[in-house]
Structures are given as C-alpha cells and as structure tokens.
Amino acid sequence: LIKFRCAPGLDGLDGPRHVFSDDCSHEFEWATKLACQPKHEAIDCAVSDPDGNMYDLTRLVNPEANYETAGDDGFLYVINVCRPIVPITGSTCHLDAAAC
C-alpha cells in the first residue's frame, strides 16, 4: 500500500518512505506536493434575473464540502457554487467540475 501525503514544499523525488511491514503487506508513505488538492481563488459570485435583479451567491461557496442531493432517478447529484467541487474519494468527477 502506498499512501500519498500532501507536502506543499516537496517535489516527491525522494520517493516513498517505508512505514510498516508484516508477513503479507508493506505500507509506504510518499510525501509530495502532487498529492495536494488544487487551490482555487475566491471569486465574486453573483447572478442576475431577467429583470436585472442581482443575487449574491458568495455565501454559498464552500471550499470544505459539497452540496449533495439524491434525485428521483436514484442518482446522487453533487454541486458546489462558483467553484469546483471538493474532490470525492473514489469518484470519477473531474477536478474542475462544479457539478457531478
């Protein structure tokens, strides 16, 4: 097993570090900046309706978690507002997607 750990100042060229071994498994940790989630700059987030009314959605931006809802079709829908979704372990969603 290789666990990748976010280490912003390391390029990872030193390779993985051995952490643990037993009779049938080995665990390594690889510290690298490549394991860090991409940083997304905060942006002003507003929309307007056909009458020209402006709605500020900035308070809905969530860099820590996504908004999730189950559809009537049985699928789970994941969105974030004015930024990409927070990465989901095991998901095939693209890192720049705002909905998945």
PDB file of N, CA and C in Angstrom:
ATOM      1  N   LEU A   1       0.848  -1.164   0.000  1.00  0.00           N
ATOM      2  CA  LEU A   1       0.000   0.000   0.000  1.00  0.00           C
ATOM      3  C   LEU A   1       0.892   1.225   0.000  1.00  0.00           C
ATOM      4  N   ILE A   2       0.592   2.184  -0.878  1.00  0.00           N
ATOM      5  CA  ILE A   2       1.308   3.458  -0.889  1.00  0.00           C
ATOM      6  C   ILE A   2       0.294   4.549  -0.566  1.00  0.00           C
ATOM      7  N   LYS A   3       0.533   5.296   0.506  1.00  0.00           N
ATOM      8  CA  LYS A   3      -0.314   6.419   0.883  1.00  0.00           C
ATOM      9  C   LYS A   3       0.395   7.693   0.445  1.00  0.00           C
ATOM     10  N   PHE A   4      -0.309   8.502  -0.337  1.00  0.00           N
ATOM     11  CA  PHE A   4       0.252   9.775  -0.772  1.00  0.00           C
ATOM     12  C   PHE A   4      -0.178  10.848   0.216  1.00  0.00           C
ATOM     13  N   ARG A   5       0.790  11.663   0.669  1.00  0.00           N
ATOM     14  CA  ARG A   5       0.514  12.723   1.635  1.00  0.00           C
ATOM     15  C   ARG A   5       0.865  14.066   1.017  1.00  0.00           C
ATOM     16  N   CYS A   6      -0.034  15.032   1.197  1.00  0.00           N
ATOM     17  CA  CYS A   6       0.193  16.389   0.702  1.00  0.00           C
ATOM     18  C   CYS A   6       1.346  17.022   1.476  1.00  0.00           C
ATOM     19  N   ALA A   7       2.355  17.458   0.745  1.00  0.00           N
ATOM     20  CA  ALA A   7       3.502  18.160   1.319  1.00  0.00           C
ATOM     21  C   ALA A   7       3.881  19.275   0.346  1.00  0.00           C
ATOM     22  N   PRO A   8       3.299  20.468   0.520  1.00  0.00           N
ATOM     23  CA  PRO A   8       3.466  21.551  -0.464  1.00  0.00           C
ATOM     24  C   PRO A   8       4.904  21.872  -0.844  1.00  0.00           C
ATOM     25  N   GLY A   9       5.862  21.712   0.048  1.00  0.00           N
ATOM     26  CA  GLY A   9       7.240  22.076  -0.264  1.00  0.00           C
ATOM     27  C   GLY A   9       8.087  20.961  -0.843  1.00  0.00           C
ATOM     28  N   LEU A  10       7.524  19.779  -1.035  1.00  0.00           N
ATOM     29  CA  LEU A  10       8.319  18.641  -1.514  1.00  0.00           C
ATOM     30  C   LEU A  10       7.911  18.227  -2.920  1.00  0.00           C
ATOM     31  N   ASP A  11       8.912  17.961  -3.761  1.00  0.00           N
ATOM     32  CA  ASP A  11       8.616  17.538  -5.134  1.00  0.00           C
ATOM     33  C   ASP A  11       8.386  16.038  -5.244  1.00  0.00           C
ATOM     34  N   GLY A  12       8.716  15.268  -4.200  1.00  0.00           N
ATOM     35  CA  GLY A  12       8.477  13.833  -4.198  1.00  0.00           C
ATOM     36  C   GLY A  12       9.565  13.008  -4.838  1.00  0.00           C
ATOM     37  N   LEU A  13      10.630  13.643  -5.283  1.00  0.00           N
ATOM     38  CA  LEU A  13      11.696  12.914  -5.976  1.00  0.00           C
ATOM     39  C   LEU A  13      12.462  11.977  -5.054  1.00  0.00           C
ATOM     40  N   ASP A  14      12.337  12.160  -3.744  1.00  0.00           N
ATOM     41  CA  ASP A  14      12.997  11.248  -2.804  1.00  0.00           C
ATOM     42  C   ASP A  14      12.308   9.896  -2.745  1.00  0.00           C
ATOM     43  N   GLY A  15      11.112   9.805  -3.289  1.00  0.00           N
ATOM     44  CA  GLY A  15      10.385   8.546  -3.309  1.00  0.00           C
ATOM     45  C   GLY A  15       9.647   8.277  -2.015  1.00  0.00           C
ATOM     46  N   PRO A  16       9.032   7.102  -1.914  1.00  0.00           N
ATOM     47  CA  PRO A  16       8.242   6.770  -0.730  1.00  0.00           C
ATOM     48  C   PRO A  16       9.124   6.371   0.454  1.00  0.00           C
ATOM     49  N   ARG A  17       8.540   6.470   1.653  1.00  0.00           N
ATOM     50  CA  ARG A  17       9.207   6.082   2.899  1.00  0.00           C
ATOM     51  C   ARG A  17       8.490   4.856   3.445  1.00  0.00           C
ATOM     52  N   HIS A  18       9.260   3.836   3.832  1.00  0.00           N
ATOM     53  CA  HIS A  18       8.674   2.615   4.396  1.00  0.00           C
ATOM     54  C   HIS A  18       8.106   2.925   5.768  1.00  0.00           C
ATOM     55  N   VAL A  19       6.843   2.508   6.014  1.00  0.00           N
ATOM     56  CA  VAL A  19       6.173   2.782   7.281  1.00  0.00           C
ATOM     57  C   VAL A  19       5.960   1.511   8.094  1.00  0.00           C
ATOM     58  N   PHE A  20       5.568   0.429   7.405  1.00  0.00           N
ATOM     59  CA  PHE A  20       5.152  -0.765   8.133  1.00  0.00           C
ATOM     60  C   PHE A  20       5.253  -1.990   7.228  1.00  0.00           C
ATOM     61  N   SER A  21       5.561  -3.127   7.822  1.00  0.00           N
ATOM     62  CA  SER A  21       5.538  -4.413   7.109  1.00  0.00           C
ATOM     63  C   SER A  21       5.056  -5.505   8.052  1.00  0.00           C
ATOM     64  N   ASP A  22       4.353  -6.478   7.486  1.00  0.00           N
ATOM     65  CA  ASP A  22       4.067  -7.708   8.218  1.00  0.00           C
ATOM     66  C   ASP A  22       4.292  -8.856   7.240  1.00  0.00           C
ATOM     67  N   ASP A  23       3.771 -10.032   7.532  1.00  0.00           N
ATOM     68  CA  ASP A  23       4.043 -11.205   6.695  1.00  0.00           C
ATOM     69  C   ASP A  23       3.516 -11.087   5.267  1.00  0.00           C
ATOM     70  N   CYS A  24       2.463 -10.294   5.068  1.00  0.00           N
ATOM     71  CA  CYS A  24       1.885 -10.271   3.719  1.00  0.00           C
ATOM     72  C   CYS A  24       1.599  -8.870   3.187  1.00  0.00           C
ATOM     73  N   SER A  25       2.058  -7.834   3.846  1.00  0.00           N
ATOM     74  CA  SER A  25       1.818  -6.496   3.307  1.00  0.00           C
ATOM     75  C   SER A  25       2.933  -5.534   3.703  1.00  0.00           C
ATOM     76  N   HIS A  26       3.033  -4.479   2.933  1.00  0.00           N
ATOM     77  CA  HIS A  26       4.001  -3.411   3.170  1.00  0.00           C
ATOM     78  C   HIS A  26       3.266  -2.088   2.999  1.00  0.00           C
ATOM     79  N   GLU A  27       3.555  -1.142   3.850  1.00  0.00           N
ATOM     80  CA  GLU A  27       2.933   0.179   3.755  1.00  0.00           C
ATOM     81  C   GLU A  27       4.025   1.224   3.581  1.00  0.00           C
ATOM     82  N   PHE A  28       3.805   2.110   2.609  1.00  0.00           N
ATOM     83  CA  PHE A  28       4.731   3.199   2.329  1.00  0.00           C
ATOM     84  C   PHE A  28       3.957   4.512   2.340  1.00  0.00           C
ATOM     85  N   GLU A  29       4.671   5.593   2.645  1.00  0.00           N
ATOM     86  CA  GLU A  29       4.096   6.934   2.553  1.00  0.00           C
ATOM     87  C   GLU A  29       4.966   7.745   1.612  1.00  0.00           C
ATOM     88  N   TRP A  30       4.314   8.454   0.682  1.00  0.00           N
ATOM     89  CA  TRP A  30       5.029   9.263  -0.286  1.00  0.00           C
ATOM     90  C   TRP A  30       4.556  10.701  -0.129  1.00  0.00           C
ATOM     91  N   ALA A  31       5.422  11.541   0.419  1.00  0.00           N
ATOM     92  CA  ALA A  31       5.102  12.953   0.635  1.00  0.00           C
ATOM     93  C   ALA A  31       5.486  13.748  -0.607  1.00  0.00           C
ATOM     94  N   THR A  32       4.517  14.458  -1.186  1.00  0.00           N
ATOM     95  CA  THR A  32       4.754  15.224  -2.403  1.00  0.00           C
ATOM     96  C   THR A  32       3.708  16.316  -2.572  1.00  0.00           C
ATOM     97  N   LYS A  33       4.113  17.399  -3.201  1.00  0.00           N
ATOM     98  CA  LYS A  33       3.165  18.481  -3.492  1.00  0.00           C
ATOM     99  C   LYS A  33       2.120  18.037  -4.511  1.00  0.00           C
ATOM    100  N   LEU A  34       2.408  16.987  -5.257  1.00  0.00           N
ATOM    101  CA  LEU A  34       1.462  16.499  -6.264  1.00  0.00           C
ATOM    102  C   LEU A  34       0.226  15.853  -5.636  1.00  0.00           C
ATOM    103  N   ALA A  35       0.281  15.532  -4.342  1.00  0.00           N
ATOM    104  CA  ALA A  35      -0.870  14.939  -3.659  1.00  0.00           C
ATOM    105  C   ALA A  35      -1.795  15.998  -3.064  1.00  0.00           C
ATOM    106  N   CYS A  36      -1.410  17.257  -3.166  1.00  0.00           N
ATOM    107  CA  CYS A  36      -2.222  18.340  -2.595  1.00  0.00           C
ATOM    108  C   CYS A  36      -3.382  18.691  -3.518  1.00  0.00           C
ATOM    109  N   GLN A  37      -4.512  19.044  -2.905  1.00  0.00           N
ATOM    110  CA  GLN A  37      -5.656  19.478  -3.689  1.00  0.00           C
ATOM    111  C   GLN A  37      -5.328  20.824  -4.320  1.00  0.00           C
ATOM    112  N   PRO A  38      -5.815  21.046  -5.545  1.00  0.00           N
ATOM    113  CA  PRO A  38      -5.545  22.340  -6.177  1.00  0.00           C
ATOM    114  C   PRO A  38      -6.240  23.460  -5.410  1.00  0.00           C
ATOM    115  N   LYS A  39      -5.582  24.597  -5.352  1.00  0.00           N
ATOM    116  CA  LYS A  39      -6.161  25.769  -4.700  1.00  0.00           C
ATOM    117  C   LYS A  39      -6.958  26.546  -5.743  1.00  0.00           C
ATOM    118  N   HIS A  40      -8.133  26.980  -5.371  1.00  0.00           N
ATOM    119  CA  HIS A  40      -8.970  27.769  -6.267  1.00  0.00           C
ATOM    120  C   HIS A  40      -9.182  29.132  -5.638  1.00  0.00           C
ATOM    121  N   GLU A  41      -8.930  30.154  -6.426  1.00  0.00           N
ATOM    122  CA  GLU A  41      -9.079  31.508  -5.919  1.00  0.00           C
ATOM    123  C   GLU A  41     -10.545  31.829  -5.676  1.00  0.00           C
ATOM    124  N   ALA A  42     -10.778  32.621  -4.631  1.00  0.00           N
ATOM    125  CA  ALA A  42     -12.138  33.083  -4.356  1.00  0.00           C
ATOM    126  C   ALA A  42     -12.546  34.065  -5.446  1.00  0.00           C
ATOM    127  N   ILE A  43     -13.775  33.990  -5.848  1.00  0.00           N
ATOM    128  CA  ILE A  43     -14.281  34.891  -6.875  1.00  0.00           C
ATOM    129  C   ILE A  43     -15.583  35.515  -6.390  1.00  0.00           C
ATOM    130  N   ASP A  44     -15.910  36.666  -6.956  1.00  0.00           N
ATOM    131  CA  ASP A  44     -17.223  37.235  -6.691  1.00  0.00           C
ATOM    132  C   ASP A  44     -18.229  36.360  -7.411  1.00  0.00           C
ATOM    133  N   CYS A  45     -19.319  36.081  -6.763  1.00  0.00           N
ATOM    134  CA  CYS A  45     -20.270  35.131  -7.316  1.00  0.00           C
ATOM    135  C   CYS A  45     -21.665  35.739  -7.256  1.00  0.00           C
ATOM    136  N   ALA A  46     -22.149  36.200  -8.386  1.00  0.00           N
ATOM    137  CA  ALA A  46     -23.471  36.809  -8.435  1.00  0.00           C
ATOM    138  C   ALA A  46     -24.142  36.439  -9.753  1.00  0.00           C
ATOM    139  N   VAL A  47     -25.454  36.385  -9.719  1.00  0.00           N
ATOM    140  CA  VAL A  47     -26.243  36.150 -10.921  1.00  0.00           C
ATOM    141  C   VAL A  47     -27.343  37.203 -10.966  1.00  0.00           C
ATOM    142  N   SER A  48     -27.873  37.404 -12.151  1.00  0.00           N
ATOM    143  CA  SER A  48     -28.988  38.353 -12.279  1.00  0.00           C
ATOM    144  C   SER A  48     -30.148  37.664 -12.979  1.00  0.00           C
ATOM    145  N   ASP A  49     -31.353  38.101 -12.657  1.00  0.00           N
ATOM    146  CA  ASP A  49     -32.533  37.554 -13.307  1.00  0.00           C
ATOM    147  C   ASP A  49     -32.898  38.436 -14.501  1.00  0.00           C
ATOM    148  N   PRO A  50     -33.885  38.038 -15.300  1.00  0.00           N
ATOM    149  CA  PRO A  50     -34.243  38.814 -16.493  1.00  0.00           C
ATOM    150  C   PRO A  50     -34.654  40.258 -16.196  1.00  0.00           C
ATOM    151  N   ASP A  51     -35.076  40.547 -14.972  1.00  0.00           N
ATOM    152  CA  ASP A  51     -35.460  41.909 -14.606  1.00  0.00           C
ATOM    153  C   ASP A  51     -34.275  42.747 -14.143  1.00  0.00           C
ATOM    154  N   GLY A  52     -33.085  42.159 -14.120  1.00  0.00           N
ATOM    155  CA  GLY A  52     -31.894  42.888 -13.715  1.00  0.00           C
ATOM    156  C   GLY A  52     -31.599  42.846 -12.226  1.00  0.00           C
ATOM    157  N   ASN A  53     -32.371  42.096 -11.459  1.00  0.00           N
ATOM    158  CA  ASN A  53     -32.094  41.955 -10.030  1.00  0.00           C
ATOM    159  C   ASN A  53     -30.849  41.092  -9.843  1.00  0.00           C
ATOM    160  N   MET A  54     -29.945  41.535  -8.977  1.00  0.00           N
ATOM    161  CA  MET A  54     -28.704  40.806  -8.721  1.00  0.00           C
ATOM    162  C   MET A  54     -28.840  39.984  -7.446  1.00  0.00           C
ATOM    163  N   TYR A  55     -28.289  38.759  -7.487  1.00  0.00           N
ATOM    164  CA  TYR A  55     -28.298  37.872  -6.328  1.00  0.00           C
ATOM    165  C   TYR A  55     -26.864  37.455  -6.042  1.00  0.00           C
ATOM    166  N   ASP A  56     -26.386  37.789  -4.848  1.00  0.00           N
ATOM    167  CA  ASP A  56     -25.025  37.459  -4.443  1.00  0.00           C
ATOM    168  C   ASP A  56     -25.022  36.049  -3.856  1.00  0.00           C
ATOM    169  N   LEU A  57     -24.306  35.132  -4.507  1.00  0.00           N
ATOM    170  CA  LEU A  57     -24.244  33.740  -4.067  1.00  0.00           C
ATOM    171  C   LEU A  57     -22.950  33.423  -3.320  1.00  0.00           C
ATOM    172  N   THR A  58     -22.143  34.435  -3.061  1.00  0.00           N
ATOM    173  CA  THR A  58     -20.838  34.223  -2.449  1.00  0.00           C
ATOM    174  C   THR A  58     -20.925  33.435  -1.149  1.00  0.00           C
ATOM    175  N   ARG A  59     -21.946  33.662  -0.353  1.00  0.00           N
ATOM    176  CA  ARG A  59     -22.073  32.959   0.925  1.00  0.00           C
ATOM    177  C   ARG A  59     -22.320  31.460   0.750  1.00  0.00           C
ATOM    178  N   LEU A  60     -22.682  31.028  -0.456  1.00  0.00           N
ATOM    179  CA  LEU A  60     -22.922  29.610  -0.714  1.00  0.00           C
ATOM    180  C   LEU A  60     -21.660  28.858  -1.136  1.00  0.00           C
ATOM    181  N   VAL A  61     -20.596  29.584  -1.466  1.00  0.00           N
ATOM    182  CA  VAL A  61     -19.337  28.945  -1.850  1.00  0.00           C
ATOM    183  C   VAL A  61     -18.812  28.180  -0.636  1.00  0.00           C
ATOM    184  N   ASN A  62     -18.465  26.892  -0.839  1.00  0.00           N
ATOM    185  CA  ASN A  62     -17.994  26.082   0.274  1.00  0.00           C
ATOM    186  C   ASN A  62     -16.720  25.341  -0.133  1.00  0.00           C
ATOM    187  N   PRO A  63     -15.552  25.792   0.333  1.00  0.00           N
ATOM    188  CA  PRO A  63     -14.304  25.121  -0.037  1.00  0.00           C
ATOM    189  C   PRO A  63     -14.055  23.830   0.734  1.00  0.00           C
ATOM    190  N   GLU A  64     -14.865  23.545   1.754  1.00  0.00           N
ATOM    191  CA  GLU A  64     -14.653  22.372   2.601  1.00  0.00           C
ATOM    192  C   GLU A  64     -15.526  21.172   2.233  1.00  0.00           C
ATOM    193  N   ALA A  65     -16.711  21.426   1.668  1.00  0.00           N
ATOM    194  CA  ALA A  65     -17.655  20.333   1.388  1.00  0.00           C
ATOM    195  C   ALA A  65     -18.548  20.709   0.209  1.00  0.00           C
ATOM    196  N   ASN A  66     -19.162  19.710  -0.378  1.00  0.00           N
ATOM    197  CA  ASN A  66     -20.080  19.901  -1.498  1.00  0.00           C
ATOM    198  C   ASN A  66     -21.525  19.881  -1.016  1.00  0.00           C
ATOM    199  N   TYR A  67     -22.412  20.340  -1.878  1.00  0.00           N
ATOM    200  CA  TYR A  67     -23.842  20.187  -1.656  1.00  0.00           C
ATOM    201  C   TYR A  67     -24.252  18.911  -2.389  1.00  0.00           C
ATOM    202  N   GLU A  68     -25.000  18.052  -1.720  1.00  0.00           N
ATOM    203  CA  GLU A  68     -25.404  16.780  -2.313  1.00  0.00           C
ATOM    204  C   GLU A  68     -26.908  16.604  -2.189  1.00  0.00           C
ATOM    205  N   THR A  69     -27.501  15.992  -3.212  1.00  0.00           N
ATOM    206  CA  THR A  69     -28.917  15.657  -3.156  1.00  0.00           C
ATOM    207  C   THR A  69     -29.161  14.400  -3.979  1.00  0.00           C
ATOM    208  N   ALA A  70     -30.086  13.603  -3.529  1.00  0.00           N
ATOM    209  CA  ALA A  70     -30.463  12.390  -4.264  1.00  0.00           C
ATOM    210  C   ALA A  70     -31.613  12.741  -5.208  1.00  0.00           C
ATOM    211  N   GLY A  71     -31.473  12.344  -6.456  1.00  0.00           N
ATOM    212  CA  GLY A  71     -32.521  12.600  -7.433  1.00  0.00           C
ATOM    213  C   GLY A  71     -33.579  11.505  -7.404  1.00  0.00           C
ATOM    214  N   ASP A  72     -34.726  11.793  -7.994  1.00  0.00           N
ATOM    215  CA  ASP A  72     -35.787  10.792  -8.102  1.00  0.00           C
ATOM    216  C   ASP A  72     -35.348   9.591  -8.922  1.00  0.00           C
ATOM    217  N   ASP A  73     -34.280   9.778  -9.723  1.00  0.00           N
ATOM    218  CA  ASP A  73     -33.766   8.700 -10.568  1.00  0.00           C
ATOM    219  C   ASP A  73     -32.803   7.775  -9.816  1.00  0.00           C
ATOM    220  N   GLY A  74     -32.566   8.053  -8.506  1.00  0.00           N
ATOM    221  CA  GLY A  74     -31.684   7.214  -7.704  1.00  0.00           C
ATOM    222  C   GLY A  74     -30.221   7.623  -7.742  1.00  0.00           C
ATOM    223  N   PHE A  75     -29.880   8.626  -8.546  1.00  0.00           N
ATOM    224  CA  PHE A  75     -28.502   9.098  -8.615  1.00  0.00           C
ATOM    225  C   PHE A  75     -28.238  10.149  -7.547  1.00  0.00           C
ATOM    226  N   LEU A  76     -26.995  10.246  -7.112  1.00  0.00           N
ATOM    227  CA  LEU A  76     -26.572  11.282  -6.190  1.00  0.00           C
ATOM    228  C   LEU A  76     -25.980  12.419  -7.014  1.00  0.00           C
ATOM    229  N   TYR A  77     -26.489  13.630  -6.811  1.00  0.00           N
ATOM    230  CA  TYR A  77     -26.000  14.804  -7.523  1.00  0.00           C
ATOM    231  C   TYR A  77     -25.170  15.637  -6.561  1.00  0.00           C
ATOM    232  N   VAL A  78     -24.000  16.043  -7.022  1.00  0.00           N
ATOM    233  CA  VAL A  78     -23.054  16.787  -6.204  1.00  0.00           C
ATOM    234  C   VAL A  78     -22.752  18.099  -6.912  1.00  0.00           C
ATOM    235  N   ILE A  79     -22.871  19.219  -6.193  1.00  0.00           N
ATOM    236  CA  ILE A  79     -22.546  20.525  -6.776  1.00  0.00           C
ATOM    237  C   ILE A  79     -21.780  21.355  -5.758  1.00  0.00           C
ATOM    238  N   ASN A  80     -21.118  22.370  -6.244  1.00  0.00           N
ATOM    239  CA  ASN A  80     -20.596  23.435  -5.410  1.00  0.00           C
ATOM    240  C   ASN A  80     -20.915  24.714  -6.160  1.00  0.00           C
ATOM    241  N   VAL A  81     -20.885  25.821  -5.483  1.00  0.00           N
ATOM    242  CA  VAL A  81     -21.317  27.084  -6.075  1.00  0.00           C
ATOM    243  C   VAL A  81     -20.112  27.968  -6.346  1.00  0.00           C
ATOM    244  N   CYS A  82     -19.963  28.368  -7.605  1.00  0.00           N
ATOM    245  CA  CYS A  82     -18.909  29.295  -8.033  1.00  0.00           C
ATOM    246  C   CYS A  82     -17.499  28.791  -7.765  1.00  0.00           C
ATOM    247  N   ARG A  83     -17.329  27.493  -7.751  1.00  0.00           N
ATOM    248  CA  ARG A  83     -16.025  26.870  -7.600  1.00  0.00           C
ATOM    249  C   ARG A  83     -16.177  25.394  -7.941  1.00  0.00           C
ATOM    250  N   PRO A  84     -15.082  24.712  -8.236  1.00  0.00           N
ATOM    251  CA  PRO A  84     -15.175  23.272  -8.478  1.00  0.00           C
ATOM    252  C   PRO A  84     -15.590  22.520  -7.218  1.00  0.00           C
ATOM    253  N   ILE A  85     -16.119  21.322  -7.419  1.00  0.00           N
ATOM    254  CA  ILE A  85     -16.488  20.503  -6.274  1.00  0.00           C
ATOM    255  C   ILE A  85     -15.242  20.123  -5.491  1.00  0.00           C
ATOM    256  N   VAL A  86     -15.423  19.850  -4.209  1.00  0.00           N
ATOM    257  CA  VAL A  86     -14.346  19.339  -3.372  1.00  0.00           C
ATOM    258  C   VAL A  86     -14.145  17.884  -3.801  1.00  0.00           C
ATOM    259  N   PRO A  87     -12.894  17.464  -4.087  1.00  0.00           N
ATOM    260  CA  PRO A  87     -12.668  16.096  -4.569  1.00  0.00           C
ATOM    261  C   PRO A  87     -13.292  15.033  -3.672  1.00  0.00           C
ATOM    262  N   ILE A  88     -13.817  13.987  -4.315  1.00  0.00           N
ATOM    263  CA  ILE A  88     -14.506  12.898  -3.635  1.00  0.00           C
ATOM    264  C   ILE A  88     -13.711  11.615  -3.863  1.00  0.00           C
ATOM    265  N   THR A  89     -13.309  10.974  -2.789  1.00  0.00           N
ATOM    266  CA  THR A  89     -12.548   9.730  -2.894  1.00  0.00           C
ATOM    267  C   THR A  89     -13.328   8.686  -3.692  1.00  0.00           C
ATOM    268  N   GLY A  90     -12.693   8.097  -4.672  1.00  0.00           N
ATOM    269  CA  GLY A  90     -13.315   7.056  -5.473  1.00  0.00           C
ATOM    270  C   GLY A  90     -14.199   7.565  -6.594  1.00  0.00           C
ATOM    271  N   SER A  91     -14.325   8.871  -6.730  1.00  0.00           N
ATOM    272  CA  SER A  91     -15.197   9.455  -7.749  1.00  0.00           C
ATOM    273  C   SER A  91     -14.449   9.608  -9.071  1.00  0.00           C
ATOM    274  N   THR A  92     -15.191   9.592 -10.162  1.00  0.00           N
ATOM    275  CA  THR A  92     -14.600   9.845 -11.474  1.00  0.00           C
ATOM    276  C   THR A  92     -14.855  11.288 -11.912  1.00  0.00           C
ATOM    277  N   CYS A  93     -15.359  12.108 -11.007  1.00  0.00           N
ATOM    278  CA  CYS A  93     -15.621  13.523 -11.335  1.00  0.00           C
ATOM    279  C   CYS A  93     -14.300  14.243 -11.621  1.00  0.00           C
ATOM    280  N   HIS A  94     -14.312  15.090 -12.632  1.00  0.00           N
ATOM    281  CA  HIS A  94     -13.139  15.871 -12.984  1.00  0.00           C
ATOM    282  C   HIS A  94     -12.888  16.912 -11.903  1.00  0.00           C
ATOM    283  N   LEU A  95     -11.618  17.204 -11.594  1.00  0.00           N
ATOM    284  CA  LEU A  95     -11.276  18.151 -10.531  1.00  0.00           C
ATOM    285  C   LEU A  95     -11.784  19.563 -10.784  1.00  0.00           C
ATOM    286  N   ASP A  96     -12.044  19.928 -12.029  1.00  0.00           N
ATOM    287  CA  ASP A  96     -12.535  21.265 -12.328  1.00  0.00           C
ATOM    288  C   ASP A  96     -14.055  21.329 -12.453  1.00  0.00           C
ATOM    289  N   ALA A  97     -14.742  20.212 -12.247  1.00  0.00           N
ATOM    290  CA  ALA A  97     -16.205  20.186 -12.390  1.00  0.00           C
ATOM    291  C   ALA A  97     -16.870  20.901 -11.216  1.00  0.00           C
ATOM    292  N   ALA A  98     -17.917  21.660 -11.497  1.00  0.00           N
ATOM    293  CA  ALA A  98     -18.693  22.308 -10.441  1.00  0.00           C
ATOM    294  C   ALA A  98     -19.917  21.464 -10.088  1.00  0.00           C
ATOM    295  N   ALA A  99     -20.199  20.472 -10.912  1.00  0.00           N
ATOM    296  CA  ALA A  99     -21.319  19.559 -10.653  1.00  0.00           C
ATOM    297  C   ALA A  99     -20.933  18.187 -11.174  1.00  0.00           C
ATOM    298  N   CYS A 100     -21.477  17.164 -10.515  1.00  0.00           N
ATOM    299  CA  CYS A 100     -21.143  15.810 -10.932  1.00  0.00           C
ATOM    300  C   CYS A 100     -22.283  14.890 -10.567  1.00  0.00           C
TER     301      CYS A 100
END
